[in-house]
Amino acid sequence: MSEILDLAGRVALITGAGQGVGRRIALHFAAHNAGCVAVNDYHLDRAQSVVDEITALGGKAIAVQADVTDLDAVKGMVKTVADAYGSIGVLVNNAGNQGIHPRAEVRQPFWEVGPDSWNKTIGVNLYGVMNCTSAVIPGMIARNAAGRIITIISDAGRWGDAGMETYAAAKAGAAGFMRSVARTLGRYQITANSIAIAATATETNARVNPKADVDKKILEKYIIRRRGDPVDVANMALFIASDASPWITGQTYPVNGGFSFAL
């Protein structure tokens, strides 16, 4: 019996995968027969650390450094992966941030921080998604095989959080972009979906909300009263990337412990 979550040798590129959710998705994909996992991060040493984990487990992986806000750098990264392992069959737009200095700015009124902060947030969370998606599409179409584009957004983009207006706008924009991409690429058997996550136990979130009393207050809003684990998100990403979901596109899946519901 074949494994329905098998990635069938597809080459996968995961952005911002040197830690947290992206790292866990990379490990999941490698364990489910990805032909190669391209681990992107702004910091090459972080990407290489995840590659070392994957290869130690017998998987294939390559570390690729690029700033996702730089389209030329993104195109170069995609070419590097394609030249070494073939065209990318799965893209996970995971790279994101909550501002230039998240701890100081994430809850500061957006009208006080101004365009320098807005542009940094929108640059990674929206333009980064657009850059990476545009760079992989020609190769996906040329493959003439099923392709998968997945973007990690936030429930801030579905629900709206006070003090996170710019971040919420960028994430909502990324989800809307995925819906339009889904309509455009369906004829090529390429799907495009989003995963909306909420409070997840990552290194970045630990820096933004380091106090136990803050964590308790946050979790009062969740039906399942714990932070998400990166594996919760990785499980959904694997489902969407695999042959278990060929007729699902243009959707946003909340993986959020019941923080908000989808209709």
Protein backbone atom coordinates (compact mmCIF):
# COMPACT_ATOMS: atom_id res chain seq x y z
CA MET A 1 0.00 0.00 0.00
CA SER A 2 1.44 3.40 -0.97
CA GLU A 3 1.93 6.12 1.64
CA ILE A 4 -0.57 8.89 0.90
CA LEU A 5 1.64 11.53 2.52
CA ASP A 6 4.62 10.57 0.37
CA LEU A 7 6.07 13.58 -1.47
CA ALA A 8 7.01 11.37 -4.41
CA GLY A 9 10.49 12.78 -4.80
CA ARG A 10 9.40 16.40 -5.27
CA VAL A 11 12.03 19.05 -4.62
CA ALA A 12 10.83 21.39 -1.87
CA LEU A 13 11.97 24.91 -1.06
CA ILE A 14 11.12 26.24 2.40
CA THR A 15 11.92 29.85 3.21
CA GLY A 16 12.94 31.02 6.67
CA ALA A 17 13.59 27.39 7.59
CA GLY A 18 16.64 27.79 9.76
CA GLN A 19 14.57 27.59 12.93
CA GLY A 20 11.06 27.26 14.35
CA VAL A 21 8.16 26.25 12.13
CA GLY A 22 10.23 26.24 8.95
CA ARG A 23 12.80 23.87 10.44
CA ARG A 24 10.09 21.43 11.49
CA ILE A 25 8.48 21.51 8.05
CA ALA A 26 11.86 20.83 6.45
CA LEU A 27 12.42 17.80 8.68
CA HIS A 28 8.89 16.53 7.99
CA PHE A 29 9.32 16.82 4.24
CA ALA A 30 12.69 15.07 4.30
CA ALA A 31 11.17 12.20 6.28
CA HIS A 32 8.40 11.78 3.67
CA ASN A 33 10.42 11.25 0.53
CA ALA A 34 11.16 14.76 -0.68
CA GLY A 35 13.67 14.49 -3.51
CA CYS A 36 15.60 17.31 -1.84
CA VAL A 37 14.73 19.92 0.77
CA ALA A 38 16.15 23.35 0.00
CA VAL A 39 16.47 25.08 3.36
CA ASN A 40 16.48 28.85 2.98
CA ASP A 41 17.37 31.34 5.66
CA TYR A 42 18.71 34.87 5.77
CA HIS A 43 21.50 33.42 7.94
CA LEU A 44 23.29 30.64 6.05
CA ASP A 45 24.65 29.01 9.21
CA ARG A 46 21.11 28.42 10.49
CA ALA A 47 20.08 26.87 7.19
CA GLN A 48 23.16 24.65 7.16
CA SER A 49 22.41 23.44 10.68
CA VAL A 50 19.01 22.15 9.54
CA VAL A 51 20.59 20.60 6.45
CA ASP A 52 23.01 18.75 8.73
CA GLU A 53 20.07 17.41 10.74
CA ILE A 54 18.35 16.18 7.58
CA THR A 55 21.42 14.52 6.09
CA ALA A 56 22.21 12.85 9.41
CA LEU A 57 18.79 11.19 9.14
CA GLY A 58 19.49 10.02 5.59
CA GLY A 59 17.64 12.75 3.69
CA LYS A 60 18.79 15.06 0.91
CA ALA A 61 19.03 18.78 1.56
CA ILE A 62 20.79 21.94 0.46
CA ALA A 63 21.27 25.22 2.32
CA VAL A 64 20.47 28.34 0.29
CA GLN A 65 20.88 31.88 1.59
CA ALA A 66 18.72 34.69 0.22
CA ASP A 67 16.80 37.71 1.42
CA VAL A 68 13.26 36.99 0.23
CA THR A 69 12.62 40.71 -0.26
CA ASP A 70 15.29 40.76 -3.01
CA LEU A 71 13.78 39.31 -6.20
CA ASP A 72 17.14 38.88 -7.96
CA ALA A 73 18.53 36.99 -4.97
CA VAL A 74 15.41 34.81 -4.88
CA LYS A 75 15.71 34.00 -8.58
CA GLY A 76 19.36 33.09 -8.04
CA MET A 77 18.41 30.82 -5.15
CA VAL A 78 15.74 29.04 -7.20
CA LYS A 79 18.22 28.54 -10.06
CA THR A 80 20.80 27.09 -7.68
CA VAL A 81 18.30 24.54 -6.40
CA ALA A 82 16.98 23.68 -9.87
CA ASP A 83 20.47 23.25 -11.33
CA ALA A 84 21.43 20.86 -8.54
CA TYR A 85 18.24 18.85 -8.02
CA GLY A 86 15.65 19.79 -10.66
CA SER A 87 12.70 22.15 -10.73
CA ILE A 88 10.98 22.93 -7.45
CA GLY A 89 7.72 21.03 -6.96
CA VAL A 90 6.78 22.38 -3.52
CA LEU A 91 7.27 25.92 -2.24
CA VAL A 92 6.57 26.83 1.38
CA ASN A 93 6.57 30.59 1.95
CA ASN A 94 7.41 30.51 5.64
CA ALA A 95 9.79 33.48 6.07
CA GLY A 96 8.17 36.25 8.08
CA ASN A 97 8.65 38.81 10.81
CA GLN A 98 6.70 41.11 13.10
CA GLY A 99 8.65 44.29 12.50
CA ILE A 100 12.23 45.54 12.60
CA HIS A 101 12.54 44.92 16.34
CA PRO A 102 9.48 42.80 17.24
CA ARG A 103 9.75 43.12 21.00
CA ALA A 104 9.74 46.92 20.87
CA GLU A 105 7.40 47.51 17.95
CA VAL A 106 4.91 44.69 17.61
CA ARG A 107 2.38 46.33 19.95
CA GLN A 108 3.31 49.95 19.22
CA PRO A 109 0.65 51.96 17.32
CA PHE A 110 1.37 51.67 13.62
CA TRP A 111 0.97 55.42 13.12
CA GLU A 112 3.85 55.99 15.53
CA VAL A 113 6.42 53.66 13.93
CA GLY A 114 5.86 54.87 10.35
CA PRO A 115 6.82 53.65 6.87
CA ASP A 116 10.31 52.36 7.71
CA SER A 117 8.75 49.77 9.99
CA TRP A 118 5.75 49.14 7.73
CA ASN A 119 7.94 48.48 4.73
CA LYS A 120 10.09 45.96 6.60
CA THR A 121 7.03 44.05 7.72
CA ILE A 122 5.23 44.16 4.38
CA GLY A 123 8.47 43.45 2.53
CA VAL A 124 9.03 40.05 4.14
CA ASN A 125 5.45 38.96 4.75
CA LEU A 126 3.91 39.99 1.42
CA TYR A 127 6.55 40.91 -1.16
CA GLY A 128 8.69 37.98 -0.01
CA VAL A 129 5.80 35.65 -0.76
CA MET A 130 5.25 37.27 -4.14
CA ASN A 131 8.96 37.11 -5.01
CA CYS A 132 9.39 33.44 -4.15
CA THR A 133 6.13 32.41 -5.79
CA SER A 134 6.90 34.25 -9.02
CA ALA A 135 10.38 32.71 -9.12
CA VAL A 136 9.19 29.09 -8.88
CA ILE A 137 6.13 29.25 -11.15
CA PRO A 138 7.90 28.93 -14.53
CA GLY A 139 9.74 25.81 -13.39
CA MET A 140 6.59 24.32 -11.86
CA ILE A 141 4.68 24.81 -15.11
CA ALA A 142 7.54 23.34 -17.14
CA ARG A 143 7.59 20.24 -14.91
CA ASN A 144 4.12 19.37 -16.22
CA ALA A 145 3.36 17.66 -12.92
CA ALA A 146 1.49 18.43 -9.74
CA GLY A 147 2.91 21.43 -7.90
CA ARG A 148 2.22 22.84 -4.46
CA ILE A 149 2.55 26.39 -3.16
CA ILE A 150 1.92 26.90 0.56
CA THR A 151 2.11 30.18 2.46
CA ILE A 152 2.30 30.40 6.24
CA ILE A 153 0.20 33.34 7.37
CA SER A 154 -1.15 34.29 10.79
CA ASP A 155 -4.54 34.44 12.44
CA ALA A 156 -3.74 38.14 12.78
CA GLY A 157 -4.56 38.32 9.08
CA ARG A 158 -7.93 36.58 9.58
CA TRP A 159 -8.98 37.89 12.97
CA GLY A 160 -7.17 41.20 13.32
CA ASP A 161 -5.09 42.01 16.39
CA ALA A 162 -4.86 45.41 18.05
CA GLY A 163 -1.37 46.79 17.69
CA MET A 164 -0.51 44.46 14.78
CA GLU A 165 -2.17 46.33 11.93
CA THR A 166 0.72 46.25 9.46
CA TYR A 167 1.53 42.62 10.16
CA ALA A 168 -2.14 41.67 9.85
CA ALA A 169 -2.44 43.58 6.57
CA ALA A 170 0.60 41.85 5.11
CA LYS A 171 -0.57 38.38 6.14
CA ALA A 172 -4.11 39.00 4.85
CA GLY A 173 -2.58 40.23 1.61
CA ALA A 174 -0.50 37.08 1.30
CA ALA A 175 -3.61 34.91 1.74
CA GLY A 176 -5.47 36.92 -0.90
CA PHE A 177 -2.50 36.56 -3.22
CA MET A 178 -2.61 32.77 -2.74
CA ARG A 179 -6.29 32.68 -3.69
CA SER A 180 -5.62 34.53 -6.93
CA VAL A 181 -2.58 32.35 -7.68
CA ALA A 182 -4.77 29.28 -7.14
CA ARG A 183 -7.22 30.49 -9.79
CA THR A 184 -4.42 31.22 -12.24
CA LEU A 185 -2.47 27.98 -11.83
CA GLY A 186 -5.23 25.40 -11.41
CA ARG A 187 -5.07 24.54 -15.12
CA TYR A 188 -1.49 23.36 -14.54
CA GLN A 189 -2.41 21.09 -11.59
CA ILE A 190 -0.60 23.50 -9.27
CA THR A 191 -2.39 24.25 -6.01
CA ALA A 192 -1.94 27.30 -3.76
CA ASN A 193 -3.09 27.36 -0.15
CA SER A 194 -2.35 29.14 3.13
CA ILE A 195 -1.95 27.96 6.70
CA ALA A 196 -2.98 30.49 9.37
CA ILE A 197 -1.17 29.90 12.63
CA ALA A 198 -1.62 31.46 16.06
CA ALA A 199 0.62 31.50 19.15
CA THR A 200 3.27 28.87 18.45
CA ALA A 201 6.19 27.87 20.66
CA THR A 202 9.19 29.12 18.67
CA GLU A 203 12.40 30.90 19.56
CA THR A 204 11.11 34.17 18.11
CA ASN A 205 7.84 34.08 20.05
CA ALA A 206 9.74 33.30 23.23
CA ARG A 207 11.72 36.53 22.74
CA VAL A 208 8.61 38.61 22.01
CA ASN A 209 6.56 37.23 24.95
CA PRO A 210 9.11 35.97 27.50
CA LYS A 211 7.01 36.22 30.67
CA ALA A 212 4.87 33.38 32.03
CA ASP A 213 2.02 35.72 33.01
CA VAL A 214 1.85 37.04 29.43
CA ASP A 215 1.71 33.47 28.15
CA LYS A 216 -1.14 32.62 30.54
CA LYS A 217 -3.14 35.65 29.41
CA ILE A 218 -2.64 34.72 25.75
CA LEU A 219 -3.73 31.12 26.26
CA GLU A 220 -7.01 32.14 27.87
CA LYS A 221 -8.20 32.87 24.32
CA TYR A 222 -7.56 29.32 23.12
CA ILE A 223 -9.94 26.37 23.36
CA ILE A 224 -6.98 23.99 23.46
CA ARG A 225 -5.03 25.74 26.18
CA ARG A 226 -1.49 25.39 25.01
CA ARG A 227 0.72 27.09 22.51
CA GLY A 228 0.97 25.43 19.16
CA ASP A 229 3.97 23.28 18.44
CA PRO A 230 5.85 23.63 15.14
CA VAL A 231 4.92 20.01 14.44
CA ASP A 232 1.23 21.01 14.40
CA VAL A 233 1.94 23.31 11.47
CA ALA A 234 4.30 20.85 9.80
CA ASN A 235 1.61 18.17 9.80
CA MET A 236 -0.76 20.45 7.89
CA ALA A 237 1.97 21.57 5.49
CA LEU A 238 2.81 17.95 4.73
CA PHE A 239 -0.84 17.15 4.03
CA ILE A 240 -1.17 20.04 1.60
CA ALA A 241 2.16 19.28 -0.08
CA SER A 242 1.40 15.59 -0.57
CA ASP A 243 -0.81 13.61 -2.93
CA ALA A 244 -3.48 13.57 -0.20
CA SER A 245 -4.75 16.97 -1.36
CA PRO A 246 -4.79 17.27 -5.17
CA TRP A 247 -8.30 18.81 -5.27
CA ILE A 248 -7.77 21.43 -2.56
CA THR A 249 -6.70 24.91 -3.60
CA GLY A 250 -7.31 28.55 -2.76
CA GLN A 251 -7.97 27.72 0.91
CA THR A 252 -6.74 29.04 4.24
CA TYR A 253 -6.42 26.41 6.97
CA PRO A 254 -6.36 27.69 10.57
CA VAL A 255 -3.97 25.70 12.78
CA ASN A 256 -4.67 27.66 15.93
CA GLY A 257 -5.94 25.65 18.88
CA GLY A 258 -9.43 27.10 18.42
CA PHE A 259 -8.37 30.76 18.74
CA SER A 260 -10.70 31.51 15.82
CA PHE A 261 -12.97 29.41 13.67
CA ALA A 262 -13.30 29.09 9.91
CA LEU A 263 -16.71 28.89 8.25
